[in-house]
């Protein structure tokens, strides 16, 4: 599976962005998908995860209620809708694929996409 994230940019605090991740490969629908982020000087951290069916979602406490992860298996795409953005959300965001939910939430990822930069100004 090859992953390509897009949609990052500069936004003011309180604004919204929608990240997209396009995946190649016919097995996309069998993977758990997730988003991670890495802020300057910090380690990469889990942001959101989504089961292969799209019915189960998982979020880091810092983004609950503000971010929404979704997918369309027919389009081989996963999205991250980010609302009420804060300066501390500034980071490079990565999409990822794994075989299980524990793997995604624990960082045991099988495939990483190239990141997309999100900058939130105050």
Protein backbone atom coordinates (compact mmCIF):
# COMPACT_ATOMS: atom_id res chain seq x y z
CA UNK A 1 0.00 0.00 0.00
CA UNK A 2 1.33 3.41 -0.97
CA UNK A 3 -0.10 6.45 0.77
CA UNK A 4 -0.09 10.10 -0.26
CA UNK A 5 -1.34 12.77 2.10
CA UNK A 6 -2.44 16.23 1.01
CA UNK A 7 -4.48 19.19 2.16
CA UNK A 8 -2.15 20.83 4.62
CA UNK A 9 -1.61 24.56 4.75
CA UNK A 10 -1.70 27.70 6.84
CA UNK A 11 -4.84 28.49 8.80
CA UNK A 12 -5.75 30.84 11.61
CA UNK A 13 -6.67 29.54 15.03
CA UNK A 14 -10.30 28.50 15.10
CA UNK A 15 -10.28 27.60 11.43
CA UNK A 16 -10.66 24.28 9.67
CA UNK A 17 -8.71 22.08 7.28
CA UNK A 18 -9.44 18.76 5.65
CA UNK A 19 -6.58 16.39 5.02
CA UNK A 20 -6.84 13.65 2.43
CA UNK A 21 -4.86 10.46 2.04
CA UNK A 22 -5.03 8.60 -1.25
CA UNK A 23 -3.96 4.97 -1.19
CA UNK A 24 -2.90 2.67 -3.94
CA UNK A 25 -3.51 -1.05 -3.95
CA UNK A 26 -6.57 -3.26 -4.02
CA UNK A 27 -6.23 -4.26 -0.36
CA UNK A 28 -6.91 -0.78 1.04
CA UNK A 29 -10.24 -1.88 2.47
CA UNK A 30 -8.61 -4.52 4.64
CA UNK A 31 -6.39 -2.05 6.50
CA UNK A 32 -7.03 -0.01 9.59
CA UNK A 33 -6.15 3.60 8.75
CA UNK A 34 -4.86 6.37 10.92
CA UNK A 35 -3.37 9.80 11.16
CA UNK A 36 -0.32 10.77 13.16
CA UNK A 37 1.45 14.08 13.60
CA UNK A 38 4.88 15.32 14.53
CA UNK A 39 5.40 18.81 15.86
CA UNK A 40 8.81 20.49 15.76
CA UNK A 41 11.08 19.05 18.40
CA UNK A 42 8.55 16.42 19.45
CA UNK A 43 7.99 12.76 18.79
CA UNK A 44 5.41 11.52 16.32
CA UNK A 45 2.07 10.94 18.03
CA UNK A 46 -1.18 9.17 17.25
CA UNK A 47 -4.07 11.46 16.29
CA UNK A 48 -6.93 9.31 14.96
CA UNK A 49 -7.67 5.79 13.80
CA UNK A 50 -10.45 4.11 11.85
CA UNK A 51 -11.42 0.49 11.41
CA UNK A 52 -11.54 -1.09 7.97
CA UNK A 53 -15.33 -0.78 7.93
CA UNK A 54 -15.28 2.82 9.05
CA UNK A 55 -17.62 2.04 11.93
CA UNK A 56 -15.10 2.32 14.77
CA UNK A 57 -13.06 5.43 15.40
CA UNK A 58 -10.34 6.28 17.89
CA UNK A 59 -8.94 9.68 18.81
CA UNK A 60 -6.23 11.18 20.92
CA UNK A 61 -7.67 13.11 23.83
CA UNK A 62 -6.18 16.33 22.49
CA UNK A 63 -8.32 16.22 19.33
CA UNK A 64 -11.56 14.58 20.51
CA UNK A 65 -14.58 16.64 19.53
CA UNK A 66 -12.57 18.68 17.02
CA UNK A 67 -11.21 16.16 14.51
CA UNK A 68 -13.12 13.54 12.52
CA UNK A 69 -11.59 10.66 10.60
CA UNK A 70 -13.47 8.99 7.76
CA UNK A 71 -12.85 6.76 4.77
CA UNK A 72 -14.30 5.65 1.47
CA UNK A 73 -12.99 2.21 0.52
CA UNK A 74 -14.36 2.53 -3.01
CA UNK A 75 -12.20 5.61 -3.50
CA UNK A 76 -9.19 4.29 -1.56
CA UNK A 77 -9.21 7.48 0.46
CA UNK A 78 -9.17 8.46 4.10
CA UNK A 79 -9.79 11.98 5.40
CA UNK A 80 -9.13 13.94 8.54
CA UNK A 81 -11.51 16.84 9.08
CA UNK A 82 -9.93 19.27 11.53
CA UNK A 83 -12.09 21.95 13.12
CA UNK A 84 -11.44 24.53 15.82
CA UNK A 85 -7.75 24.36 15.10
CA UNK A 86 -5.29 25.54 17.72
CA UNK A 87 -1.67 26.66 17.39
CA UNK A 88 -0.63 23.48 19.20
CA UNK A 89 -2.07 21.48 16.30
CA UNK A 90 0.78 22.76 14.14
CA UNK A 91 2.69 19.72 12.89
CA UNK A 92 3.47 17.53 9.93
CA UNK A 93 0.57 15.12 9.58
CA UNK A 94 1.07 11.58 8.29
CA UNK A 95 -1.45 8.99 7.22
CA UNK A 96 -0.74 5.38 8.03
CA UNK A 97 -2.06 1.88 7.49
CA UNK A 98 -1.94 -1.13 9.77
CA UNK A 99 -3.57 -4.54 10.09
CA UNK A 100 -5.14 -4.00 13.50
CA UNK A 101 -6.50 -1.26 15.74
CA UNK A 102 -3.90 -1.89 18.48
CA UNK A 103 -1.20 -1.55 15.83
CA UNK A 104 -2.52 1.82 14.66
CA UNK A 105 -3.09 3.27 18.12
CA UNK A 106 0.23 1.90 19.33
CA UNK A 107 2.28 3.11 16.39
CA UNK A 108 2.91 -0.35 14.96
CA UNK A 109 2.23 0.85 11.46
CA UNK A 110 2.81 -1.19 8.32
CA UNK A 111 2.80 1.69 5.86
CA UNK A 112 3.48 5.42 6.20
CA UNK A 113 2.64 8.16 3.78
CA UNK A 114 4.68 11.29 3.24
CA UNK A 115 3.55 14.05 5.53
CA UNK A 116 1.65 17.23 4.90
CA UNK A 117 2.38 20.36 6.93
CA UNK A 118 -0.36 22.05 8.92
CA UNK A 119 0.44 25.44 10.41
CA UNK A 120 -2.04 27.15 12.73
CA UNK A 121 -1.36 30.79 13.46
CA UNK A 122 -2.55 32.51 16.62
